[in-house]
Amino acid sequence: MKKCLLALLLFVFAPYNYADDATTQNPSTVDKDFSETDFEYDGVWKPKGAMLRGTLLPPSALQAITLTIKNGTYEVTVTGEDHSDKGSFMLDETVTPKRMAIQSMSGPNQGKIILAIYEIKGENAMRVCYDLSGDAFPTAFKAPKGSHLYLAGYRRQQTEDSDDKQIRPKPDCTSDAE
């Protein structure tokens, strides 16, 4: 139970510097048409890397976590656990770094408010730094030892029902005249 709670907290509340790779360091070099104002939060997300209080999470913990965002709500599930953490969030894009207030409505964090900062790292990548104590918004994308901070880097997962991600058939290359 304690492992489940920790894993849920870690997933829901942290994107890490692993979002900084060749495809996401500079979104403008990945897709010149991409704009943060067009960023779509809804989708299924997996952490690529995460750090809690100065300790990196192992790959097995990262693989077990799934974050689903839809219409201002979230659900975090952990493989092997029989419950999930669900709630809502509000974004403040008027400050730098951008802020997020997360309210858990059911699951191990029920009734808690988690404060976070976030940044978009490309069309399909973001990182989030969460203050698990709920006392204050983090000021930097760091999660040092002794803190209540959790930092995670997320990647959007391709889903079968996503129009943008579906593989479209190649056009017929045969000639009309035979």
N, C-alpha and C. Protein backbone atom coordinates (compact mmCIF):
# COMPACT_ATOMS: atom_id res chain seq x y z
N MET A 1 0.83 -1.20 0.00
CA MET A 1 0.00 0.00 0.00
C MET A 1 0.87 1.25 0.00
N LYS A 2 1.92 1.24 0.79
CA LYS A 2 2.80 2.40 0.86
C LYS A 2 3.50 2.63 -0.47
N LYS A 3 3.90 1.52 -1.15
CA LYS A 3 4.54 1.64 -2.46
C LYS A 3 3.57 2.22 -3.47
N CYS A 4 2.33 1.80 -3.41
CA CYS A 4 1.31 2.29 -4.34
C CYS A 4 1.11 3.79 -4.17
N LEU A 5 0.99 4.23 -2.95
CA LEU A 5 0.78 5.65 -2.68
C LEU A 5 1.96 6.47 -3.21
N LEU A 6 3.16 6.00 -2.95
CA LEU A 6 4.35 6.69 -3.41
C LEU A 6 4.39 6.74 -4.93
N ALA A 7 4.10 5.63 -5.57
CA ALA A 7 4.12 5.59 -7.03
C ALA A 7 3.06 6.50 -7.62
N LEU A 8 1.88 6.51 -7.04
CA LEU A 8 0.83 7.40 -7.54
C LEU A 8 1.23 8.85 -7.37
N LEU A 9 1.76 9.18 -6.23
CA LEU A 9 2.19 10.56 -6.02
C LEU A 9 3.26 10.95 -7.02
N LEU A 10 4.17 10.05 -7.25
CA LEU A 10 5.26 10.34 -8.16
C LEU A 10 4.76 10.57 -9.57
N PHE A 11 3.86 9.76 -9.99
CA PHE A 11 3.38 9.90 -11.36
C PHE A 11 2.53 11.13 -11.55
N VAL A 12 1.62 11.34 -10.66
CA VAL A 12 0.71 12.46 -10.81
C VAL A 12 1.43 13.77 -10.65
N PHE A 13 2.47 13.77 -9.89
CA PHE A 13 3.06 15.05 -9.53
C PHE A 13 4.50 15.25 -9.96
N ALA A 14 4.90 14.81 -11.23
CA ALA A 14 6.25 15.18 -11.56
C ALA A 14 6.76 14.78 -12.91
N PRO A 15 7.08 15.70 -13.78
CA PRO A 15 7.89 15.48 -14.96
C PRO A 15 9.33 15.90 -14.73
N TYR A 16 10.25 15.16 -15.27
CA TYR A 16 11.67 15.34 -14.97
C TYR A 16 12.47 15.78 -16.18
N ASN A 17 13.70 16.06 -15.98
CA ASN A 17 14.58 16.55 -17.04
C ASN A 17 14.77 15.56 -18.17
N TYR A 18 14.28 14.34 -18.05
CA TYR A 18 14.39 13.39 -19.14
C TYR A 18 13.58 13.86 -20.34
N ALA A 19 12.74 14.85 -20.15
CA ALA A 19 12.04 15.43 -21.29
C ALA A 19 13.00 16.23 -22.15
N ASP A 20 14.21 16.43 -21.67
CA ASP A 20 15.21 17.18 -22.43
C ASP A 20 16.05 16.21 -23.27
N ASP A 21 15.54 15.86 -24.44
CA ASP A 21 16.35 15.06 -25.34
C ASP A 21 16.36 15.74 -26.70
N ALA A 22 16.99 15.13 -27.65
CA ALA A 22 17.19 15.77 -28.95
C ALA A 22 15.89 16.17 -29.63
N THR A 23 14.81 15.45 -29.37
CA THR A 23 13.56 15.76 -30.05
C THR A 23 12.72 16.80 -29.32
N THR A 24 13.07 17.15 -28.10
CA THR A 24 12.22 18.09 -27.36
C THR A 24 12.95 19.28 -26.77
N GLN A 25 14.24 19.36 -26.91
CA GLN A 25 14.95 20.48 -26.29
C GLN A 25 14.47 21.81 -26.83
N ASN A 26 14.25 21.88 -28.11
CA ASN A 26 13.80 23.11 -28.72
C ASN A 26 12.63 22.80 -29.63
N PRO A 27 11.40 22.96 -29.12
CA PRO A 27 10.23 22.59 -29.91
C PRO A 27 10.22 23.22 -31.30
N SER A 28 10.77 24.40 -31.47
CA SER A 28 10.72 25.04 -32.78
C SER A 28 11.54 24.29 -33.81
N THR A 29 12.54 23.51 -33.38
CA THR A 29 13.30 22.74 -34.35
C THR A 29 12.62 21.42 -34.67
N VAL A 30 11.70 20.99 -33.84
CA VAL A 30 10.98 19.75 -34.07
C VAL A 30 9.83 19.98 -35.03
N ASP A 31 9.03 20.99 -34.80
CA ASP A 31 7.88 21.30 -35.63
C ASP A 31 7.73 22.81 -35.68
N LYS A 32 8.08 23.39 -36.82
CA LYS A 32 8.07 24.84 -36.93
C LYS A 32 6.68 25.42 -36.77
N ASP A 33 5.65 24.61 -36.99
CA ASP A 33 4.27 25.09 -36.86
C ASP A 33 3.75 24.95 -35.43
N PHE A 34 4.51 24.27 -34.54
CA PHE A 34 4.05 24.05 -33.17
C PHE A 34 4.13 25.34 -32.36
N SER A 35 3.07 25.57 -31.61
CA SER A 35 3.02 26.71 -30.70
C SER A 35 2.49 26.21 -29.37
N GLU A 36 3.06 26.68 -28.28
CA GLU A 36 2.57 26.26 -26.96
C GLU A 36 1.10 26.58 -26.79
N THR A 37 0.63 27.61 -27.45
CA THR A 37 -0.80 27.95 -27.33
C THR A 37 -1.68 26.89 -27.95
N ASP A 38 -1.12 26.06 -28.83
CA ASP A 38 -1.87 24.98 -29.47
C ASP A 38 -1.71 23.65 -28.72
N PHE A 39 -0.96 23.66 -27.62
CA PHE A 39 -0.65 22.41 -26.92
C PHE A 39 -1.92 21.74 -26.43
N GLU A 40 -2.02 20.46 -26.65
CA GLU A 40 -3.17 19.66 -26.25
C GLU A 40 -2.77 18.80 -25.05
N TYR A 41 -3.36 19.08 -23.90
CA TYR A 41 -3.04 18.33 -22.68
C TYR A 41 -3.70 16.96 -22.66
N ASP A 42 -4.91 16.88 -23.23
CA ASP A 42 -5.65 15.62 -23.21
C ASP A 42 -4.84 14.52 -23.90
N GLY A 43 -4.88 13.35 -23.28
CA GLY A 43 -4.20 12.20 -23.85
C GLY A 43 -3.69 11.27 -22.76
N VAL A 44 -2.97 10.27 -23.20
CA VAL A 44 -2.37 9.29 -22.30
C VAL A 44 -0.88 9.60 -22.25
N TRP A 45 -0.34 9.73 -21.05
CA TRP A 45 1.04 10.14 -20.82
C TRP A 45 1.77 9.11 -19.96
N LYS A 46 3.04 8.90 -20.27
CA LYS A 46 3.90 8.02 -19.47
C LYS A 46 5.13 8.83 -19.05
N PRO A 47 5.59 8.64 -17.83
CA PRO A 47 6.82 9.33 -17.42
C PRO A 47 8.03 8.69 -18.08
N LYS A 48 8.88 9.51 -18.63
CA LYS A 48 10.14 9.01 -19.21
C LYS A 48 11.22 8.99 -18.14
N GLY A 49 11.11 9.88 -17.18
CA GLY A 49 12.04 9.94 -16.06
C GLY A 49 11.41 10.72 -14.93
N ALA A 50 11.84 10.44 -13.71
CA ALA A 50 11.28 11.14 -12.56
C ALA A 50 12.25 11.09 -11.39
N MET A 51 12.18 12.13 -10.57
CA MET A 51 13.01 12.21 -9.37
C MET A 51 12.13 12.66 -8.21
N LEU A 52 12.24 11.95 -7.11
CA LEU A 52 11.51 12.29 -5.89
C LEU A 52 12.52 12.54 -4.79
N ARG A 53 12.49 13.77 -4.27
CA ARG A 53 13.37 14.13 -3.14
C ARG A 53 14.82 13.73 -3.38
N GLY A 54 15.31 13.97 -4.60
CA GLY A 54 16.71 13.70 -4.91
C GLY A 54 17.02 12.29 -5.36
N THR A 55 16.01 11.43 -5.45
CA THR A 55 16.23 10.04 -5.85
C THR A 55 15.52 9.75 -7.16
N LEU A 56 16.27 9.23 -8.14
CA LEU A 56 15.67 8.86 -9.42
C LEU A 56 14.80 7.63 -9.24
N LEU A 57 13.65 7.64 -9.91
CA LEU A 57 12.79 6.46 -9.89
C LEU A 57 13.34 5.43 -10.87
N PRO A 58 13.27 4.15 -10.52
CA PRO A 58 13.77 3.12 -11.42
C PRO A 58 12.84 2.94 -12.63
N PRO A 59 13.37 2.44 -13.74
CA PRO A 59 12.54 2.23 -14.94
C PRO A 59 11.29 1.40 -14.69
N SER A 60 11.37 0.40 -13.83
CA SER A 60 10.18 -0.44 -13.56
C SER A 60 9.05 0.38 -12.95
N ALA A 61 9.37 1.33 -12.10
CA ALA A 61 8.34 2.19 -11.50
C ALA A 61 7.76 3.12 -12.55
N LEU A 62 8.59 3.65 -13.43
CA LEU A 62 8.12 4.55 -14.48
C LEU A 62 7.17 3.82 -15.43
N GLN A 63 7.53 2.59 -15.80
CA GLN A 63 6.72 1.82 -16.74
C GLN A 63 5.35 1.47 -16.17
N ALA A 64 5.24 1.37 -14.86
CA ALA A 64 3.99 0.99 -14.23
C ALA A 64 2.97 2.12 -14.18
N ILE A 65 3.42 3.36 -14.38
CA ILE A 65 2.57 4.54 -14.19
C ILE A 65 1.97 5.01 -15.51
N THR A 66 0.68 5.32 -15.49
CA THR A 66 0.00 5.91 -16.64
C THR A 66 -0.84 7.08 -16.17
N LEU A 67 -0.69 8.21 -16.83
CA LEU A 67 -1.47 9.41 -16.55
C LEU A 67 -2.39 9.65 -17.73
N THR A 68 -3.68 9.77 -17.46
CA THR A 68 -4.65 10.09 -18.50
C THR A 68 -5.27 11.43 -18.17
N ILE A 69 -5.22 12.35 -19.13
CA ILE A 69 -5.79 13.69 -18.96
C ILE A 69 -6.92 13.85 -19.96
N LYS A 70 -8.06 14.36 -19.46
CA LYS A 70 -9.20 14.59 -20.34
C LYS A 70 -10.08 15.69 -19.76
N ASN A 71 -10.25 16.75 -20.53
CA ASN A 71 -11.16 17.84 -20.16
C ASN A 71 -10.92 18.40 -18.77
N GLY A 72 -9.68 18.68 -18.41
CA GLY A 72 -9.37 19.28 -17.12
C GLY A 72 -9.39 18.31 -15.95
N THR A 73 -9.47 17.01 -16.23
CA THR A 73 -9.41 16.00 -15.18
C THR A 73 -8.23 15.07 -15.46
N TYR A 74 -7.82 14.37 -14.43
CA TYR A 74 -6.73 13.42 -14.58
C TYR A 74 -7.05 12.12 -13.86
N GLU A 75 -6.39 11.06 -14.29
CA GLU A 75 -6.42 9.78 -13.58
C GLU A 75 -5.03 9.18 -13.69
N VAL A 76 -4.50 8.78 -12.55
CA VAL A 76 -3.20 8.11 -12.50
C VAL A 76 -3.45 6.68 -12.07
N THR A 77 -2.95 5.75 -12.90
CA THR A 77 -3.05 4.34 -12.55
C THR A 77 -1.64 3.77 -12.46
N VAL A 78 -1.50 2.75 -11.62
CA VAL A 78 -0.24 2.06 -11.45
C VAL A 78 -0.51 0.58 -11.65
N THR A 79 0.19 -0.03 -12.60
CA THR A 79 0.01 -1.45 -12.88
C THR A 79 0.19 -2.26 -11.60
N GLY A 80 -0.75 -3.17 -11.36
CA GLY A 80 -0.69 -4.01 -10.17
C GLY A 80 -1.44 -3.46 -8.98
N GLU A 81 -1.92 -2.24 -9.06
CA GLU A 81 -2.68 -1.64 -7.97
C GLU A 81 -4.16 -1.64 -8.33
N ASP A 82 -5.02 -1.79 -7.33
CA ASP A 82 -6.45 -1.90 -7.58
C ASP A 82 -7.20 -0.57 -7.47
N HIS A 83 -6.51 0.52 -7.30
CA HIS A 83 -7.17 1.82 -7.21
C HIS A 83 -6.33 2.87 -7.96
N SER A 84 -6.97 3.93 -8.33
CA SER A 84 -6.27 5.00 -9.04
C SER A 84 -6.49 6.32 -8.31
N ASP A 85 -5.75 7.31 -8.70
CA ASP A 85 -5.90 8.65 -8.15
C ASP A 85 -6.58 9.50 -9.22
N LYS A 86 -7.69 10.12 -8.87
CA LYS A 86 -8.46 10.91 -9.83
C LYS A 86 -8.73 12.29 -9.26
N GLY A 87 -8.78 13.26 -10.16
CA GLY A 87 -9.08 14.60 -9.71
C GLY A 87 -9.14 15.57 -10.87
N SER A 88 -8.98 16.85 -10.54
CA SER A 88 -9.02 17.90 -11.55
C SER A 88 -7.81 18.81 -11.36
N PHE A 89 -7.58 19.66 -12.35
CA PHE A 89 -6.47 20.59 -12.25
C PHE A 89 -6.83 21.90 -12.94
N MET A 90 -6.16 22.95 -12.49
CA MET A 90 -6.32 24.27 -13.09
C MET A 90 -4.94 24.78 -13.45
N LEU A 91 -4.84 25.43 -14.62
CA LEU A 91 -3.58 25.95 -15.11
C LEU A 91 -3.54 27.47 -15.01
N ASP A 92 -2.36 27.99 -14.73
CA ASP A 92 -2.13 29.43 -14.78
C ASP A 92 -0.97 29.65 -15.74
N GLU A 93 -1.31 30.08 -16.96
CA GLU A 93 -0.31 30.28 -18.00
C GLU A 93 0.17 31.73 -18.06
N THR A 94 -0.25 32.56 -17.10
CA THR A 94 0.11 33.97 -17.12
C THR A 94 1.41 34.26 -16.39
N VAL A 95 1.96 33.26 -15.71
CA VAL A 95 3.21 33.45 -14.95
C VAL A 95 4.30 32.57 -15.54
N THR A 96 5.54 32.88 -15.19
CA THR A 96 6.67 32.05 -15.62
C THR A 96 7.45 31.63 -14.39
N PRO A 97 7.67 30.33 -14.17
CA PRO A 97 7.13 29.24 -14.97
C PRO A 97 5.62 29.09 -14.77
N LYS A 98 5.01 28.42 -15.75
CA LYS A 98 3.57 28.20 -15.68
C LYS A 98 3.24 27.37 -14.44
N ARG A 99 2.03 27.58 -13.92
CA ARG A 99 1.64 26.90 -12.68
C ARG A 99 0.42 26.00 -12.89
N MET A 100 0.32 25.02 -11.98
CA MET A 100 -0.78 24.08 -12.01
C MET A 100 -1.20 23.79 -10.57
N ALA A 101 -2.51 23.82 -10.32
CA ALA A 101 -3.04 23.42 -9.01
C ALA A 101 -3.86 22.16 -9.25
N ILE A 102 -3.53 21.09 -8.54
CA ILE A 102 -4.13 19.78 -8.74
C ILE A 102 -4.94 19.43 -7.49
N GLN A 103 -6.18 19.03 -7.69
CA GLN A 103 -7.01 18.62 -6.55
C GLN A 103 -7.45 17.19 -6.76
N SER A 104 -7.04 16.32 -5.83
CA SER A 104 -7.42 14.92 -5.88
C SER A 104 -8.82 14.76 -5.29
N MET A 105 -9.67 14.05 -6.03
CA MET A 105 -11.05 13.84 -5.58
C MET A 105 -11.30 12.41 -5.10
N SER A 106 -10.44 11.48 -5.53
CA SER A 106 -10.58 10.10 -5.05
C SER A 106 -9.23 9.41 -5.17
N GLY A 107 -9.07 8.37 -4.38
CA GLY A 107 -7.81 7.64 -4.37
C GLY A 107 -6.96 8.02 -3.18
N PRO A 108 -5.69 7.64 -3.21
CA PRO A 108 -4.82 7.83 -2.05
C PRO A 108 -4.56 9.30 -1.71
N ASN A 109 -4.77 10.21 -2.64
CA ASN A 109 -4.53 11.64 -2.37
C ASN A 109 -5.83 12.41 -2.20
N GLN A 110 -6.93 11.72 -1.99
CA GLN A 110 -8.24 12.36 -1.89
C GLN A 110 -8.22 13.54 -0.92
N GLY A 111 -8.74 14.68 -1.41
CA GLY A 111 -8.83 15.87 -0.58
C GLY A 111 -7.59 16.74 -0.57
N LYS A 112 -6.49 16.25 -1.14
CA LYS A 112 -5.25 17.03 -1.15
C LYS A 112 -5.20 17.96 -2.35
N ILE A 113 -4.51 19.07 -2.16
CA ILE A 113 -4.21 19.99 -3.24
C ILE A 113 -2.69 20.00 -3.40
N ILE A 114 -2.25 19.73 -4.62
CA ILE A 114 -0.83 19.70 -4.95
C ILE A 114 -0.54 20.89 -5.85
N LEU A 115 0.49 21.64 -5.54
CA LEU A 115 0.89 22.79 -6.34
C LEU A 115 2.10 22.40 -7.20
N ALA A 116 2.10 22.86 -8.46
CA ALA A 116 3.16 22.45 -9.38
C ALA A 116 3.48 23.56 -10.36
N ILE A 117 4.67 23.45 -10.95
CA ILE A 117 5.03 24.26 -12.10
C ILE A 117 5.23 23.30 -13.26
N TYR A 118 5.05 23.79 -14.48
CA TYR A 118 5.21 22.92 -15.63
C TYR A 118 5.72 23.71 -16.83
N GLU A 119 6.25 22.95 -17.79
CA GLU A 119 6.64 23.56 -19.05
C GLU A 119 6.42 22.56 -20.17
N ILE A 120 6.06 23.10 -21.31
CA ILE A 120 5.85 22.31 -22.51
C ILE A 120 7.21 22.13 -23.18
N LYS A 121 7.55 20.90 -23.51
CA LYS A 121 8.85 20.60 -24.10
C LYS A 121 8.74 20.19 -25.56
N GLY A 122 7.58 20.32 -26.14
CA GLY A 122 7.33 19.93 -27.53
C GLY A 122 5.88 19.50 -27.64
N GLU A 123 5.48 19.13 -28.82
CA GLU A 123 4.07 18.76 -29.04
C GLU A 123 3.63 17.58 -28.18
N ASN A 124 4.56 16.69 -27.88
CA ASN A 124 4.22 15.47 -27.15
C ASN A 124 5.07 15.27 -25.90
N ALA A 125 5.56 16.35 -25.32
CA ALA A 125 6.41 16.22 -24.13
C ALA A 125 6.19 17.42 -23.20
N MET A 126 6.21 17.12 -21.91
CA MET A 126 6.12 18.18 -20.90
C MET A 126 6.84 17.70 -19.66
N ARG A 127 7.21 18.65 -18.82
CA ARG A 127 7.76 18.28 -17.53
C ARG A 127 7.06 19.09 -16.46
N VAL A 128 6.96 18.46 -15.29
CA VAL A 128 6.23 19.05 -14.18
C VAL A 128 7.04 18.85 -12.91
N CYS A 129 7.06 19.87 -12.06
CA CYS A 129 7.67 19.77 -10.74
C CYS A 129 6.58 20.04 -9.73
N TYR A 130 6.31 19.05 -8.88
CA TYR A 130 5.22 19.10 -7.91
C TYR A 130 5.77 19.32 -6.49
N ASP A 131 5.06 20.12 -5.72
CA ASP A 131 5.33 20.23 -4.28
C ASP A 131 4.28 19.35 -3.61
N LEU A 132 4.69 18.17 -3.18
CA LEU A 132 3.75 17.20 -2.62
C LEU A 132 3.18 17.63 -1.28
N SER A 133 3.83 18.60 -0.64
CA SER A 133 3.30 19.09 0.64
C SER A 133 2.11 20.02 0.40
N GLY A 134 2.02 20.59 -0.79
CA GLY A 134 0.95 21.54 -1.09
C GLY A 134 1.16 22.91 -0.48
N ASP A 135 2.34 23.15 0.07
CA ASP A 135 2.61 24.42 0.75
C ASP A 135 2.85 25.60 -0.18
N ALA A 136 3.58 25.35 -1.29
CA ALA A 136 3.94 26.46 -2.18
C ALA A 136 4.25 25.91 -3.57
N PHE A 137 4.17 26.78 -4.56
CA PHE A 137 4.58 26.39 -5.90
C PHE A 137 6.10 26.25 -5.92
N PRO A 138 6.62 25.20 -6.55
CA PRO A 138 8.07 25.11 -6.70
C PRO A 138 8.58 26.32 -7.48
N THR A 139 9.84 26.64 -7.32
CA THR A 139 10.41 27.80 -8.01
C THR A 139 11.34 27.39 -9.15
N ALA A 140 11.73 26.11 -9.18
CA ALA A 140 12.63 25.62 -10.23
C ALA A 140 12.31 24.15 -10.50
N PHE A 141 12.77 23.67 -11.63
CA PHE A 141 12.56 22.27 -12.01
C PHE A 141 13.66 21.42 -11.39
N LYS A 142 13.58 21.28 -10.07
CA LYS A 142 14.53 20.51 -9.29
C LYS A 142 13.78 19.80 -8.18
N ALA A 143 14.33 18.66 -7.74
CA ALA A 143 13.73 17.92 -6.63
C ALA A 143 14.85 17.44 -5.71
N PRO A 144 15.47 18.36 -4.97
CA PRO A 144 16.62 17.99 -4.14
C PRO A 144 16.25 17.14 -2.93
N LYS A 145 17.26 16.47 -2.40
CA LYS A 145 17.07 15.69 -1.17
C LYS A 145 16.54 16.58 -0.08
N GLY A 146 15.69 16.02 0.76
CA GLY A 146 15.14 16.75 1.89
C GLY A 146 13.94 17.62 1.53
N SER A 147 13.62 17.72 0.26
CA SER A 147 12.47 18.52 -0.15
C SER A 147 11.23 17.64 -0.29
N HIS A 148 10.10 18.26 -0.51
CA HIS A 148 8.86 17.54 -0.80
C HIS A 148 8.54 17.63 -2.28
N LEU A 149 9.61 17.77 -3.09
CA LEU A 149 9.41 17.99 -4.52
C LEU A 149 9.56 16.70 -5.32
N TYR A 150 8.74 16.64 -6.36
CA TYR A 150 8.76 15.52 -7.29
C TYR A 150 8.82 16.12 -8.69
N LEU A 151 9.77 15.66 -9.49
CA LEU A 151 9.99 16.17 -10.83
C LEU A 151 9.84 15.03 -11.82
N ALA A 152 9.06 15.24 -12.89
CA ALA A 152 8.85 14.18 -13.88
C ALA A 152 8.78 14.76 -15.28
N GLY A 153 9.28 13.98 -16.22
CA GLY A 153 9.17 14.30 -17.64
C GLY A 153 8.22 13.31 -18.28
N TYR A 154 7.22 13.80 -18.99
CA TYR A 154 6.19 12.95 -19.58
C TYR A 154 6.25 12.96 -21.10
N ARG A 155 5.88 11.83 -21.70
CA ARG A 155 5.72 11.71 -23.14
C ARG A 155 4.29 11.25 -23.42
N ARG A 156 3.69 11.89 -24.41
CA ARG A 156 2.35 11.47 -24.85
C ARG A 156 2.47 10.12 -25.56
N GLN A 157 1.52 9.24 -25.28
CA GLN A 157 1.50 7.93 -25.90
C GLN A 157 0.55 7.95 -27.09
N GLN A 158 0.89 7.21 -28.11
CA GLN A 158 -0.01 7.10 -29.25
C GLN A 158 -1.16 6.17 -28.87
N THR A 159 -2.36 6.59 -29.25
CA THR A 159 -3.53 5.76 -28.99
C THR A 159 -4.23 5.46 -30.30
N GLU A 160 -4.95 4.37 -30.33
CA GLU A 160 -5.63 3.93 -31.55
C GLU A 160 -6.70 4.90 -31.99
N ASP A 161 -7.35 5.59 -31.05
CA ASP A 161 -8.46 6.46 -31.41
C ASP A 161 -8.04 7.90 -31.68
N SER A 162 -6.75 8.17 -31.69
CA SER A 162 -6.27 9.53 -31.94
C SER A 162 -6.15 9.77 -33.43
N ASP A 163 -6.93 10.73 -33.96
CA ASP A 163 -6.88 11.03 -35.38
C ASP A 163 -5.49 11.45 -35.81
N ASP A 164 -4.79 12.21 -34.96
CA ASP A 164 -3.47 12.70 -35.31
C ASP A 164 -2.44 11.58 -35.38
N LYS A 165 -2.66 10.51 -34.65
CA LYS A 165 -1.66 9.47 -34.54
C LYS A 165 -1.96 8.25 -35.41
N GLN A 166 -3.13 8.20 -36.03
CA GLN A 166 -3.49 7.04 -36.81
C GLN A 166 -2.62 6.97 -38.06
N ILE A 167 -2.30 5.75 -38.46
CA ILE A 167 -1.55 5.55 -39.68
C ILE A 167 -2.56 5.56 -40.82
N ARG A 168 -2.32 6.45 -41.75
CA ARG A 168 -3.24 6.57 -42.88
C ARG A 168 -2.71 5.75 -44.05
N PRO A 169 -3.62 5.20 -44.87
CA PRO A 169 -3.16 4.41 -46.01
C PRO A 169 -2.42 5.29 -47.02
N LYS A 170 -1.45 4.69 -47.69
CA LYS A 170 -0.72 5.41 -48.72
C LYS A 170 -1.64 5.60 -49.93
N PRO A 171 -1.48 6.73 -50.63
CA PRO A 171 -2.32 6.92 -51.80
C PRO A 171 -1.98 5.90 -52.88
N ASP A 172 -2.98 5.58 -53.70
CA ASP A 172 -2.81 4.65 -54.79
C ASP A 172 -1.94 5.30 -55.84
N CYS A 173 -0.87 4.65 -56.21
CA CYS A 173 0.08 5.24 -57.15
C CYS A 173 -0.14 4.78 -58.58
N THR A 174 -1.23 4.04 -58.81
CA THR A 174 -1.47 3.58 -60.17
C THR A 174 -2.07 4.66 -61.02
N SER A 175 -1.86 4.59 -62.28
CA SER A 175 -2.36 5.59 -63.21
C SER A 175 -3.83 5.36 -63.50
N ASP A 176 -4.57 6.46 -63.72
CA ASP A 176 -5.98 6.35 -64.06
C ASP A 176 -6.16 5.81 -65.47
N ALA A 177 -5.23 6.07 -66.33
CA ALA A 177 -5.35 5.62 -67.73
C ALA A 177 -4.71 4.25 -67.85
N GLU A 178 -5.49 3.28 -68.38
CA GLU A 178 -4.95 1.95 -68.57
C GLU A 178 -5.10 1.50 -69.97
